[in-house]
Amino acid sequence: MSTAIWVVIAVVVVAALIAALYLARTRARTQRLRRRFGPEYDRTLENEGGRTAAERELRSREQRHDELELHDLDPRRREQYREQWVRVQERFVDTPEAAVEQADGLVTVVMGERGYPTHGFEDKVAHLSVEHGRTMEHYRSAHAISGRAADKEASTEDLRQAMVHYRALFEELLSAPAEEAPAGGTRPAPTAAGGPAGHRDDRPPRS
């Protein structure tokens, strides 16, 4: 074969290798973002209207998240916040709307102490989703119910569900670092209400 044909073959092979490398890197990036953001990946995909735009948004969230100065709570502060949560739940029987509002406020306070921004719901979700993507549906549901409660359009059952949703994110924000897990095992798995398995059910009591 002539030199020109060999050159063409070489160019085609190199182009194929570059394309394969690009596809492999793109696939690996997509898989990483799906693992990290969980359901938030699919929500962003739907909102942005395409994978390229969605992944650009999620990578932007990661970059902004890296600029935050986040820190874990010390054990004493975690217990203080859990005691406050118990008091909020106790108020649910008599004043469910007020309890939901206080639950939202307590979650926001914990966010701030951890180092997350506390202004603007979508901004809070964007920053939280990087480490808590699988809990954002709980937070979004709780926020939606809180909005209906402000307009007096939420039932008692709605409000009870809002407390459960807020509790899911609250427990994640309070979670002890891995090194504080009991020796020989991991921390107890959360129940549907967000509390440790084997502990009492802390869901708001039915009125």
N, C-alpha and C. Protein backbone atom coordinates (compact mmCIF):
# COMPACT_ATOMS: atom_id res chain seq x y z
N MET A 1 0.84 -1.20 0.00
CA MET A 1 0.00 0.00 0.00
C MET A 1 0.87 1.25 0.00
N SER A 2 0.33 2.31 -0.57
CA SER A 2 1.09 3.54 -0.64
C SER A 2 1.17 4.22 0.72
N THR A 3 2.12 5.14 0.82
CA THR A 3 2.29 5.90 2.06
C THR A 3 1.02 6.68 2.41
N ALA A 4 0.36 7.21 1.42
CA ALA A 4 -0.87 7.99 1.67
C ALA A 4 -1.94 7.15 2.33
N ILE A 5 -2.08 5.90 1.86
CA ILE A 5 -3.09 5.01 2.46
C ILE A 5 -2.75 4.71 3.90
N TRP A 6 -1.43 4.46 4.17
CA TRP A 6 -1.02 4.20 5.55
C TRP A 6 -1.30 5.42 6.44
N VAL A 7 -1.09 6.59 5.91
CA VAL A 7 -1.37 7.80 6.68
C VAL A 7 -2.85 7.91 7.01
N VAL A 8 -3.69 7.63 6.01
CA VAL A 8 -5.14 7.67 6.24
C VAL A 8 -5.55 6.66 7.29
N ILE A 9 -5.00 5.45 7.23
CA ILE A 9 -5.34 4.41 8.21
C ILE A 9 -4.91 4.85 9.60
N ALA A 10 -3.70 5.42 9.68
CA ALA A 10 -3.21 5.88 10.98
C ALA A 10 -4.10 6.96 11.56
N VAL A 11 -4.54 7.89 10.71
CA VAL A 11 -5.42 8.97 11.18
C VAL A 11 -6.74 8.41 11.67
N VAL A 12 -7.30 7.46 10.94
CA VAL A 12 -8.56 6.84 11.34
C VAL A 12 -8.42 6.12 12.67
N VAL A 13 -7.32 5.38 12.84
CA VAL A 13 -7.10 4.64 14.09
C VAL A 13 -6.95 5.60 15.26
N VAL A 14 -6.16 6.64 15.07
CA VAL A 14 -5.98 7.63 16.15
C VAL A 14 -7.30 8.29 16.50
N ALA A 15 -8.09 8.65 15.48
CA ALA A 15 -9.39 9.28 15.73
C ALA A 15 -10.31 8.34 16.50
N ALA A 16 -10.27 7.05 16.13
CA ALA A 16 -11.11 6.07 16.82
C ALA A 16 -10.68 5.93 18.28
N LEU A 17 -9.37 5.94 18.52
CA LEU A 17 -8.87 5.83 19.89
C LEU A 17 -9.26 7.05 20.71
N ILE A 18 -9.15 8.23 20.11
CA ILE A 18 -9.54 9.46 20.82
C ILE A 18 -11.03 9.44 21.15
N ALA A 19 -11.85 8.99 20.19
CA ALA A 19 -13.29 8.92 20.42
C ALA A 19 -13.63 7.92 21.52
N ALA A 20 -12.94 6.78 21.51
CA ALA A 20 -13.18 5.77 22.53
C ALA A 20 -12.78 6.28 23.91
N LEU A 21 -11.65 7.00 23.98
CA LEU A 21 -11.20 7.56 25.25
C LEU A 21 -12.19 8.60 25.76
N TYR A 22 -12.69 9.43 24.83
CA TYR A 22 -13.67 10.46 25.21
C TYR A 22 -14.95 9.82 25.75
N LEU A 23 -15.43 8.80 25.05
CA LEU A 23 -16.65 8.14 25.48
C LEU A 23 -16.46 7.47 26.84
N ALA A 24 -15.29 6.86 27.05
CA ALA A 24 -15.02 6.20 28.33
C ALA A 24 -14.98 7.21 29.47
N ARG A 25 -14.34 8.35 29.23
CA ARG A 25 -14.26 9.39 30.26
C ARG A 25 -15.64 9.98 30.54
N THR A 26 -16.42 10.18 29.48
CA THR A 26 -17.77 10.72 29.65
C THR A 26 -18.64 9.75 30.44
N ARG A 27 -18.54 8.46 30.10
CA ARG A 27 -19.33 7.44 30.80
C ARG A 27 -18.92 7.37 32.28
N ALA A 28 -17.62 7.43 32.54
CA ALA A 28 -17.13 7.36 33.92
C ALA A 28 -17.60 8.58 34.71
N ARG A 29 -17.60 9.75 34.09
CA ARG A 29 -18.05 10.95 34.77
C ARG A 29 -19.53 10.86 35.09
N THR A 30 -20.33 10.38 34.13
CA THR A 30 -21.76 10.22 34.36
C THR A 30 -22.02 9.26 35.51
N GLN A 31 -21.33 8.14 35.54
CA GLN A 31 -21.51 7.16 36.61
C GLN A 31 -21.13 7.75 37.96
N ARG A 32 -20.05 8.53 37.98
CA ARG A 32 -19.62 9.14 39.25
C ARG A 32 -20.67 10.13 39.75
N LEU A 33 -21.19 10.96 38.85
CA LEU A 33 -22.19 11.94 39.26
C LEU A 33 -23.49 11.27 39.70
N ARG A 34 -23.87 10.19 39.01
CA ARG A 34 -25.08 9.46 39.41
C ARG A 34 -24.91 8.89 40.81
N ARG A 35 -23.74 8.32 41.09
CA ARG A 35 -23.50 7.75 42.43
C ARG A 35 -23.52 8.84 43.49
N ARG A 36 -22.94 9.96 43.18
CA ARG A 36 -22.82 11.01 44.19
C ARG A 36 -24.14 11.72 44.46
N PHE A 37 -24.89 12.03 43.41
CA PHE A 37 -26.10 12.85 43.57
C PHE A 37 -27.38 12.03 43.68
N GLY A 38 -27.35 10.75 43.32
CA GLY A 38 -28.54 9.93 43.44
C GLY A 38 -29.71 10.50 42.67
N PRO A 39 -30.91 10.55 43.27
CA PRO A 39 -32.11 11.05 42.57
C PRO A 39 -31.96 12.49 42.08
N GLU A 40 -31.07 13.24 42.71
CA GLU A 40 -30.87 14.63 42.29
C GLU A 40 -30.28 14.70 40.88
N TYR A 41 -29.56 13.67 40.47
CA TYR A 41 -29.04 13.63 39.10
C TYR A 41 -30.20 13.62 38.11
N ASP A 42 -31.17 12.72 38.33
CA ASP A 42 -32.31 12.62 37.40
C ASP A 42 -33.16 13.88 37.41
N ARG A 43 -33.31 14.48 38.58
CA ARG A 43 -34.09 15.72 38.66
C ARG A 43 -33.40 16.83 37.86
N THR A 44 -32.09 16.94 38.01
CA THR A 44 -31.34 17.96 37.29
C THR A 44 -31.36 17.69 35.79
N LEU A 45 -31.29 16.41 35.42
CA LEU A 45 -31.36 16.03 34.02
C LEU A 45 -32.67 16.50 33.40
N GLU A 46 -33.76 16.30 34.14
CA GLU A 46 -35.08 16.72 33.65
C GLU A 46 -35.18 18.24 33.57
N ASN A 47 -34.68 18.92 34.61
CA ASN A 47 -34.78 20.38 34.65
C ASN A 47 -33.93 21.05 33.58
N GLU A 48 -32.74 20.50 33.35
CA GLU A 48 -31.81 21.13 32.40
C GLU A 48 -32.08 20.72 30.96
N GLY A 49 -32.84 19.65 30.77
CA GLY A 49 -33.21 19.25 29.42
C GLY A 49 -32.17 18.48 28.65
N GLY A 50 -31.13 17.99 29.31
CA GLY A 50 -30.11 17.20 28.61
C GLY A 50 -28.96 16.86 29.52
N ARG A 51 -28.25 15.80 29.16
CA ARG A 51 -27.18 15.31 30.02
C ARG A 51 -26.02 16.30 30.14
N THR A 52 -25.62 16.90 29.02
CA THR A 52 -24.48 17.82 29.05
C THR A 52 -24.74 19.00 29.98
N ALA A 53 -25.91 19.62 29.85
CA ALA A 53 -26.24 20.77 30.71
C ALA A 53 -26.41 20.34 32.16
N ALA A 54 -27.02 19.18 32.37
CA ALA A 54 -27.24 18.70 33.74
C ALA A 54 -25.91 18.42 34.43
N GLU A 55 -24.99 17.77 33.74
CA GLU A 55 -23.70 17.45 34.36
C GLU A 55 -22.85 18.69 34.56
N ARG A 56 -23.02 19.68 33.67
CA ARG A 56 -22.33 20.95 33.88
C ARG A 56 -22.82 21.62 35.16
N GLU A 57 -24.14 21.57 35.39
CA GLU A 57 -24.72 22.14 36.61
C GLU A 57 -24.23 21.40 37.85
N LEU A 58 -24.19 20.07 37.79
CA LEU A 58 -23.77 19.29 38.95
C LEU A 58 -22.28 19.49 39.25
N ARG A 59 -21.46 19.61 38.22
CA ARG A 59 -20.05 19.88 38.46
C ARG A 59 -19.85 21.27 39.03
N SER A 60 -20.71 22.21 38.62
CA SER A 60 -20.67 23.55 39.20
C SER A 60 -21.01 23.51 40.68
N ARG A 61 -21.98 22.67 41.04
CA ARG A 61 -22.31 22.52 42.46
C ARG A 61 -21.11 21.98 43.24
N GLU A 62 -20.43 21.02 42.65
CA GLU A 62 -19.25 20.45 43.32
C GLU A 62 -18.19 21.52 43.55
N GLN A 63 -17.97 22.36 42.56
CA GLN A 63 -16.96 23.40 42.69
C GLN A 63 -17.33 24.40 43.78
N ARG A 64 -18.61 24.79 43.81
CA ARG A 64 -19.06 25.73 44.85
C ARG A 64 -19.00 25.07 46.23
N HIS A 65 -19.32 23.77 46.28
CA HIS A 65 -19.27 23.04 47.54
C HIS A 65 -17.84 22.99 48.07
N ASP A 66 -16.87 22.83 47.18
CA ASP A 66 -15.47 22.76 47.60
C ASP A 66 -14.99 24.06 48.23
N GLU A 67 -15.68 25.16 47.94
CA GLU A 67 -15.29 26.45 48.50
C GLU A 67 -15.83 26.67 49.91
N LEU A 68 -16.75 25.81 50.34
CA LEU A 68 -17.32 25.94 51.68
C LEU A 68 -16.35 25.44 52.73
N GLU A 69 -16.43 26.00 53.91
CA GLU A 69 -15.63 25.54 55.04
C GLU A 69 -16.54 24.73 55.96
N LEU A 70 -16.73 23.46 55.60
CA LEU A 70 -17.64 22.59 56.34
C LEU A 70 -16.92 21.91 57.49
N HIS A 71 -17.66 21.62 58.54
CA HIS A 71 -17.08 20.90 59.67
C HIS A 71 -18.18 20.09 60.36
N ASP A 72 -17.77 19.02 61.04
CA ASP A 72 -18.72 18.20 61.79
C ASP A 72 -19.04 18.85 63.13
N LEU A 73 -20.18 18.48 63.69
CA LEU A 73 -20.54 18.96 65.02
C LEU A 73 -19.89 18.08 66.08
N ASP A 74 -19.52 18.69 67.19
CA ASP A 74 -18.97 17.86 68.26
C ASP A 74 -20.12 17.13 68.96
N PRO A 75 -19.85 16.03 69.65
CA PRO A 75 -20.90 15.20 70.25
C PRO A 75 -21.85 15.98 71.16
N ARG A 76 -21.31 16.95 71.89
CA ARG A 76 -22.17 17.71 72.80
C ARG A 76 -23.21 18.51 72.04
N ARG A 77 -22.80 19.15 70.95
CA ARG A 77 -23.74 19.93 70.16
C ARG A 77 -24.77 19.04 69.49
N ARG A 78 -24.35 17.87 69.02
CA ARG A 78 -25.31 16.95 68.41
C ARG A 78 -26.40 16.57 69.39
N GLU A 79 -26.02 16.27 70.62
CA GLU A 79 -27.02 15.89 71.62
C GLU A 79 -27.94 17.06 71.97
N GLN A 80 -27.40 18.25 72.01
CA GLN A 80 -28.24 19.43 72.28
C GLN A 80 -29.29 19.61 71.18
N TYR A 81 -28.86 19.43 69.94
CA TYR A 81 -29.81 19.58 68.84
C TYR A 81 -30.84 18.45 68.86
N ARG A 82 -30.46 17.25 69.20
CA ARG A 82 -31.43 16.16 69.29
C ARG A 82 -32.45 16.43 70.39
N GLU A 83 -32.02 17.01 71.48
CA GLU A 83 -32.96 17.37 72.55
C GLU A 83 -33.94 18.43 72.06
N GLN A 84 -33.43 19.38 71.28
CA GLN A 84 -34.32 20.40 70.73
C GLN A 84 -35.34 19.78 69.78
N TRP A 85 -34.88 18.79 68.99
CA TRP A 85 -35.82 18.13 68.08
C TRP A 85 -36.94 17.42 68.84
N VAL A 86 -36.59 16.77 69.92
CA VAL A 86 -37.61 16.09 70.73
C VAL A 86 -38.65 17.09 71.22
N ARG A 87 -38.19 18.25 71.65
CA ARG A 87 -39.14 19.27 72.14
C ARG A 87 -40.04 19.76 71.00
N VAL A 88 -39.47 19.91 69.80
CA VAL A 88 -40.28 20.32 68.65
C VAL A 88 -41.34 19.27 68.37
N GLN A 89 -40.97 17.99 68.40
CA GLN A 89 -41.95 16.93 68.14
C GLN A 89 -43.05 16.91 69.19
N GLU A 90 -42.70 17.19 70.43
CA GLU A 90 -43.71 17.20 71.49
C GLU A 90 -44.75 18.29 71.26
N ARG A 91 -44.36 19.37 70.60
CA ARG A 91 -45.30 20.46 70.32
C ARG A 91 -46.26 20.10 69.18
N PHE A 92 -45.95 19.05 68.44
CA PHE A 92 -46.74 18.71 67.27
C PHE A 92 -48.20 18.41 67.62
N VAL A 93 -48.42 17.75 68.75
CA VAL A 93 -49.79 17.35 69.12
C VAL A 93 -50.71 18.56 69.21
N ASP A 94 -50.26 19.62 69.85
CA ASP A 94 -51.12 20.79 70.06
C ASP A 94 -51.01 21.82 68.94
N THR A 95 -49.82 21.97 68.37
CA THR A 95 -49.63 23.00 67.34
C THR A 95 -48.80 22.44 66.19
N PRO A 96 -49.40 21.60 65.35
CA PRO A 96 -48.63 20.96 64.28
C PRO A 96 -48.01 21.94 63.28
N GLU A 97 -48.75 22.99 62.91
CA GLU A 97 -48.18 23.96 61.96
C GLU A 97 -46.94 24.63 62.55
N ALA A 98 -47.03 25.03 63.82
CA ALA A 98 -45.89 25.68 64.46
C ALA A 98 -44.72 24.71 64.60
N ALA A 99 -45.01 23.45 64.87
CA ALA A 99 -43.95 22.45 65.01
C ALA A 99 -43.20 22.27 63.70
N VAL A 100 -43.93 22.23 62.60
CA VAL A 100 -43.28 22.08 61.29
C VAL A 100 -42.41 23.29 60.99
N GLU A 101 -42.91 24.47 61.30
CA GLU A 101 -42.13 25.68 61.09
C GLU A 101 -40.86 25.66 61.93
N GLN A 102 -40.98 25.20 63.19
CA GLN A 102 -39.81 25.11 64.06
C GLN A 102 -38.83 24.04 63.58
N ALA A 103 -39.36 22.95 63.04
CA ALA A 103 -38.49 21.90 62.50
C ALA A 103 -37.67 22.44 61.34
N ASP A 104 -38.31 23.20 60.46
CA ASP A 104 -37.60 23.82 59.34
C ASP A 104 -36.52 24.76 59.87
N GLY A 105 -36.85 25.54 60.86
CA GLY A 105 -35.87 26.47 61.43
C GLY A 105 -34.70 25.75 62.07
N LEU A 106 -34.98 24.64 62.77
CA LEU A 106 -33.91 23.90 63.43
C LEU A 106 -32.97 23.27 62.40
N VAL A 107 -33.54 22.72 61.34
CA VAL A 107 -32.71 22.15 60.28
C VAL A 107 -31.81 23.23 59.68
N THR A 108 -32.36 24.43 59.48
CA THR A 108 -31.58 25.52 58.91
C THR A 108 -30.46 25.95 59.85
N VAL A 109 -30.73 25.97 61.14
CA VAL A 109 -29.70 26.33 62.12
C VAL A 109 -28.55 25.33 62.07
N VAL A 110 -28.88 24.05 62.00
CA VAL A 110 -27.84 23.02 61.93
C VAL A 110 -27.03 23.16 60.64
N MET A 111 -27.71 23.46 59.53
CA MET A 111 -26.98 23.71 58.28
C MET A 111 -25.94 24.80 58.49
N GLY A 112 -26.38 25.91 59.09
CA GLY A 112 -25.47 27.03 59.28
C GLY A 112 -24.28 26.67 60.16
N GLU A 113 -24.54 25.91 61.21
CA GLU A 113 -23.43 25.54 62.09
C GLU A 113 -22.47 24.58 61.40
N ARG A 114 -22.98 23.78 60.48
CA ARG A 114 -22.10 22.89 59.72
C ARG A 114 -21.28 23.66 58.68
N GLY A 115 -21.72 24.88 58.32
CA GLY A 115 -20.99 25.67 57.35
C GLY A 115 -21.69 25.84 56.02
N TYR A 116 -22.95 25.37 55.91
CA TYR A 116 -23.70 25.52 54.67
C TYR A 116 -24.38 26.89 54.61
N PRO A 117 -24.61 27.43 53.42
CA PRO A 117 -25.40 28.65 53.28
C PRO A 117 -26.82 28.41 53.78
N THR A 118 -27.46 29.43 54.30
CA THR A 118 -28.79 29.26 54.87
C THR A 118 -29.82 30.19 54.26
N HIS A 119 -29.52 30.78 53.12
CA HIS A 119 -30.46 31.69 52.48
C HIS A 119 -30.81 31.17 51.09
N GLY A 120 -32.11 31.18 50.79
CA GLY A 120 -32.57 30.75 49.47
C GLY A 120 -32.67 29.24 49.40
N PHE A 121 -33.90 28.74 49.24
CA PHE A 121 -34.11 27.28 49.29
C PHE A 121 -33.32 26.56 48.21
N GLU A 122 -33.39 27.02 46.96
CA GLU A 122 -32.69 26.33 45.88
C GLU A 122 -31.19 26.39 46.07
N ASP A 123 -30.68 27.48 46.62
CA ASP A 123 -29.25 27.59 46.90
C ASP A 123 -28.84 26.59 47.98
N LYS A 124 -29.69 26.44 48.99
CA LYS A 124 -29.41 25.46 50.04
C LYS A 124 -29.39 24.05 49.47
N VAL A 125 -30.37 23.75 48.62
CA VAL A 125 -30.43 22.42 48.00
C VAL A 125 -29.19 22.17 47.14
N ALA A 126 -28.78 23.17 46.37
CA ALA A 126 -27.62 23.00 45.49
C ALA A 126 -26.38 22.63 46.28
N HIS A 127 -26.15 23.28 47.41
CA HIS A 127 -24.97 22.99 48.21
C HIS A 127 -25.12 21.66 48.97
N LEU A 128 -26.28 21.41 49.52
CA LEU A 128 -26.50 20.18 50.28
C LEU A 128 -26.44 18.94 49.40
N SER A 129 -26.89 19.07 48.15
CA SER A 129 -27.03 17.90 47.28
C SER A 129 -25.71 17.22 46.99
N VAL A 130 -24.59 17.92 47.13
CA VAL A 130 -23.29 17.32 46.82
C VAL A 130 -22.98 16.18 47.78
N GLU A 131 -23.32 16.34 49.05
CA GLU A 131 -23.06 15.29 50.03
C GLU A 131 -24.34 14.59 50.49
N HIS A 132 -25.48 15.20 50.25
CA HIS A 132 -26.74 14.65 50.75
C HIS A 132 -27.77 14.53 49.63
N GLY A 133 -27.32 14.18 48.44
CA GLY A 133 -28.22 14.13 47.28
C GLY A 133 -29.39 13.19 47.46
N ARG A 134 -29.18 12.07 48.16
CA ARG A 134 -30.26 11.10 48.32
C ARG A 134 -31.29 11.53 49.36
N THR A 135 -31.03 12.63 50.05
CA THR A 135 -31.98 13.13 51.05
C THR A 135 -32.72 14.37 50.57
N MET A 136 -32.34 14.87 49.40
CA MET A 136 -32.94 16.11 48.93
C MET A 136 -34.42 15.98 48.60
N GLU A 137 -34.87 14.77 48.20
CA GLU A 137 -36.30 14.60 47.95
C GLU A 137 -37.09 14.78 49.25
N HIS A 138 -36.53 14.31 50.36
CA HIS A 138 -37.17 14.55 51.67
C HIS A 138 -37.27 16.06 51.93
N TYR A 139 -36.16 16.75 51.71
CA TYR A 139 -36.13 18.19 52.00
C TYR A 139 -37.08 18.95 51.08
N ARG A 140 -37.12 18.59 49.82
CA ARG A 140 -38.03 19.25 48.89
C ARG A 140 -39.49 19.00 49.29
N SER A 141 -39.81 17.77 49.68
CA SER A 141 -41.18 17.44 50.09
C SER A 141 -41.57 18.22 51.34
N ALA A 142 -40.66 18.28 52.31
CA ALA A 142 -40.94 19.03 53.54
C ALA A 142 -41.16 20.51 53.23
N HIS A 143 -40.34 21.06 52.35
CA HIS A 143 -40.46 22.47 51.99
C HIS A 143 -41.80 22.75 51.30
N ALA A 144 -42.21 21.84 50.42
CA ALA A 144 -43.48 22.02 49.72
C ALA A 144 -44.65 21.99 50.69
N ILE A 145 -44.61 21.06 51.64
CA ILE A 145 -45.69 20.98 52.63
C ILE A 145 -45.69 22.22 53.51
N SER A 146 -44.51 22.71 53.87
CA SER A 146 -44.43 23.93 54.69
C SER A 146 -45.07 25.10 53.97
N GLY A 147 -44.88 25.16 52.65
CA GLY A 147 -45.51 26.23 51.88
C GLY A 147 -47.03 26.13 51.91
N ARG A 148 -47.54 24.89 51.79
CA ARG A 148 -48.99 24.72 51.86
C ARG A 148 -49.51 25.03 53.27
N ALA A 149 -48.70 24.69 54.27
CA ALA A 149 -49.12 24.96 55.66
C ALA A 149 -49.24 26.46 55.89
N ALA A 150 -48.34 27.23 55.30
CA ALA A 150 -48.39 28.68 55.46
C ALA A 150 -49.67 29.26 54.87
N ASP A 151 -50.20 28.56 53.85
CA ASP A 151 -51.46 29.00 53.23
C ASP A 151 -52.67 28.28 53.83
N LYS A 152 -52.44 27.55 54.94
CA LYS A 152 -53.51 26.81 55.62
C LYS A 152 -54.13 25.74 54.71
N GLU A 153 -53.32 25.12 53.87
CA GLU A 153 -53.83 24.12 52.93
C GLU A 153 -53.25 22.73 53.21
N ALA A 154 -52.56 22.55 54.33
CA ALA A 154 -51.95 21.26 54.65
C ALA A 154 -52.77 20.56 55.74
N SER A 155 -53.03 19.27 55.54
CA SER A 155 -53.74 18.48 56.54
C SER A 155 -52.78 18.08 57.66
N THR A 156 -53.34 17.54 58.73
CA THR A 156 -52.50 17.07 59.83
C THR A 156 -51.58 15.95 59.36
N GLU A 157 -52.08 15.08 58.49
CA GLU A 157 -51.23 14.02 57.96
C GLU A 157 -50.10 14.60 57.09
N ASP A 158 -50.41 15.62 56.32
CA ASP A 158 -49.37 16.29 55.54
C ASP A 158 -48.27 16.81 56.47
N LEU A 159 -48.70 17.45 57.54
CA LEU A 159 -47.74 18.04 58.48
C LEU A 159 -46.91 16.96 59.17
N ARG A 160 -47.56 15.83 59.47
CA ARG A 160 -46.82 14.72 60.06
C ARG A 160 -45.74 14.21 59.09
N GLN A 161 -46.10 14.12 57.83
CA GLN A 161 -45.12 13.70 56.83
C GLN A 161 -43.99 14.71 56.69
N ALA A 162 -44.31 15.98 56.81
CA ALA A 162 -43.27 17.01 56.75
C ALA A 162 -42.25 16.82 57.86
N MET A 163 -42.73 16.47 59.05
CA MET A 163 -41.81 16.22 60.17
C MET A 163 -40.90 15.05 59.87
N VAL A 164 -41.45 13.99 59.27
CA VAL A 164 -40.64 12.82 58.91
C VAL A 164 -39.58 13.21 57.88
N HIS A 165 -39.98 14.01 56.89
CA HIS A 165 -39.05 14.45 55.85
C HIS A 165 -37.94 15.33 56.44
N TYR A 166 -38.32 16.27 57.29
CA TYR A 166 -37.31 17.12 57.91
C TYR A 166 -36.35 16.28 58.77
N ARG A 167 -36.92 15.27 59.43
CA ARG A 167 -36.09 14.44 60.31
C ARG A 167 -35.01 13.70 59.52
N ALA A 168 -35.31 13.29 58.30
CA ALA A 168 -34.34 12.56 57.49
C ALA A 168 -33.09 13.40 57.25
N LEU A 169 -33.28 14.67 56.85
CA LEU A 169 -32.14 15.54 56.61
C LEU A 169 -31.48 15.94 57.93
N PHE A 170 -32.28 16.20 58.94
CA PHE A 170 -31.76 16.58 60.25
C PHE A 170 -30.77 15.53 60.76
N GLU A 171 -31.14 14.25 60.67
CA GLU A 171 -30.27 13.19 61.16
C GLU A 171 -28.99 13.08 60.33
N GLU A 172 -29.10 13.29 59.02
CA GLU A 172 -27.89 13.25 58.20
C GLU A 172 -26.94 14.38 58.57
N LEU A 173 -27.48 15.56 58.79
CA LEU A 173 -26.63 16.70 59.15
C LEU A 173 -25.96 16.50 60.51
N LEU A 174 -26.64 15.77 61.40
CA LEU A 174 -26.08 15.54 62.72
C LEU A 174 -25.19 14.30 62.79
N SER A 175 -25.14 13.51 61.72
CA SER A 175 -24.41 12.24 61.77
C SER A 175 -22.99 12.43 62.26
N ALA A 176 -22.56 11.50 63.12
CA ALA A 176 -21.19 11.53 63.63
C ALA A 176 -20.24 11.13 62.52
N PRO A 177 -19.01 11.67 62.51
CA PRO A 177 -18.01 11.23 61.53
C PRO A 177 -17.77 9.73 61.65
N ALA A 178 -17.26 9.13 60.59
CA ALA A 178 -17.06 7.68 60.55
C ALA A 178 -16.19 7.19 61.70
N GLU A 179 -15.20 8.01 62.11
CA GLU A 179 -14.30 7.54 63.16
C GLU A 179 -14.98 7.45 64.52
N GLU A 180 -16.18 8.05 64.65
CA GLU A 180 -16.88 7.97 65.92
C GLU A 180 -17.87 6.82 65.96
N ALA A 181 -17.95 6.02 64.89
CA ALA A 181 -18.84 4.86 64.88
C ALA A 181 -18.37 3.86 65.91
N PRO A 182 -19.28 3.06 66.49
CA PRO A 182 -18.89 2.08 67.49
C PRO A 182 -17.83 1.13 66.95
N ALA A 183 -16.90 0.75 67.82
CA ALA A 183 -15.84 -0.16 67.41
C ALA A 183 -16.42 -1.49 66.94
N GLY A 184 -15.90 -1.98 65.82
CA GLY A 184 -16.34 -3.28 65.31
C GLY A 184 -17.58 -3.21 64.46
N GLY A 185 -18.03 -1.99 64.14
CA GLY A 185 -19.24 -1.89 63.30
C GLY A 185 -19.48 -0.48 62.87
N THR A 186 -20.59 -0.27 62.21
CA THR A 186 -20.96 1.06 61.75
C THR A 186 -22.09 1.60 62.61
N ARG A 187 -22.44 2.86 62.38
CA ARG A 187 -23.56 3.44 63.13
C ARG A 187 -24.85 2.74 62.78
N PRO A 188 -25.82 2.69 63.71
CA PRO A 188 -27.09 2.02 63.42
C PRO A 188 -27.76 2.64 62.20
N ALA A 189 -28.41 1.79 61.42
CA ALA A 189 -29.12 2.28 60.23
C ALA A 189 -30.34 3.06 60.65
N PRO A 190 -30.68 4.18 59.91
CA PRO A 190 -31.84 4.96 60.26
C PRO A 190 -33.13 4.24 59.92
N THR A 191 -34.15 4.50 60.69
CA THR A 191 -35.48 3.98 60.39
C THR A 191 -36.15 4.94 59.44
N ALA A 192 -37.41 4.64 59.05
CA ALA A 192 -38.13 5.54 58.14
C ALA A 192 -38.30 6.92 58.74
N ALA A 193 -38.36 6.99 60.08
CA ALA A 193 -38.52 8.28 60.73
C ALA A 193 -37.21 8.99 60.93
N GLY A 194 -36.10 8.34 60.57
CA GLY A 194 -34.81 8.98 60.67
C GLY A 194 -34.05 8.65 61.92
N GLY A 195 -34.59 7.86 62.83
CA GLY A 195 -33.90 7.55 64.08
C GLY A 195 -33.15 6.25 63.97
N PRO A 196 -32.26 5.95 64.92
CA PRO A 196 -31.51 4.71 64.86
C PRO A 196 -32.40 3.50 65.01
N ALA A 197 -32.06 2.45 64.29
CA ALA A 197 -32.82 1.21 64.40
C ALA A 197 -32.73 0.69 65.81
N GLY A 198 -33.84 0.24 66.33
CA GLY A 198 -33.85 -0.30 67.68
C GLY A 198 -34.21 0.72 68.73
N HIS A 199 -34.21 2.02 68.36
CA HIS A 199 -34.61 3.05 69.31
C HIS A 199 -36.11 3.27 69.18
N ARG A 200 -36.62 4.07 70.08
CA ARG A 200 -38.05 4.31 70.06
C ARG A 200 -38.40 5.10 68.81
N ASP A 201 -39.63 4.97 68.39
CA ASP A 201 -40.13 5.67 67.20
C ASP A 201 -40.37 7.11 67.56
N ASP A 202 -39.63 8.03 66.92
CA ASP A 202 -39.75 9.45 67.26
C ASP A 202 -40.64 10.20 66.29
N ARG A 203 -41.43 9.50 65.52
CA ARG A 203 -42.33 10.22 64.62
C ARG A 203 -43.35 11.01 65.42
N PRO A 204 -43.85 12.13 64.86
CA PRO A 204 -44.85 12.90 65.58
C PRO A 204 -46.04 12.05 65.95
N PRO A 205 -46.50 12.10 67.18
CA PRO A 205 -47.64 11.29 67.59
C PRO A 205 -48.90 11.72 66.87
N ARG A 206 -49.77 10.75 66.65
CA ARG A 206 -51.05 11.10 66.02
C ARG A 206 -51.95 11.79 67.02
N SER A 207 -52.57 12.86 66.53
CA SER A 207 -53.48 13.60 67.44
C SER A 207 -54.89 13.06 67.32
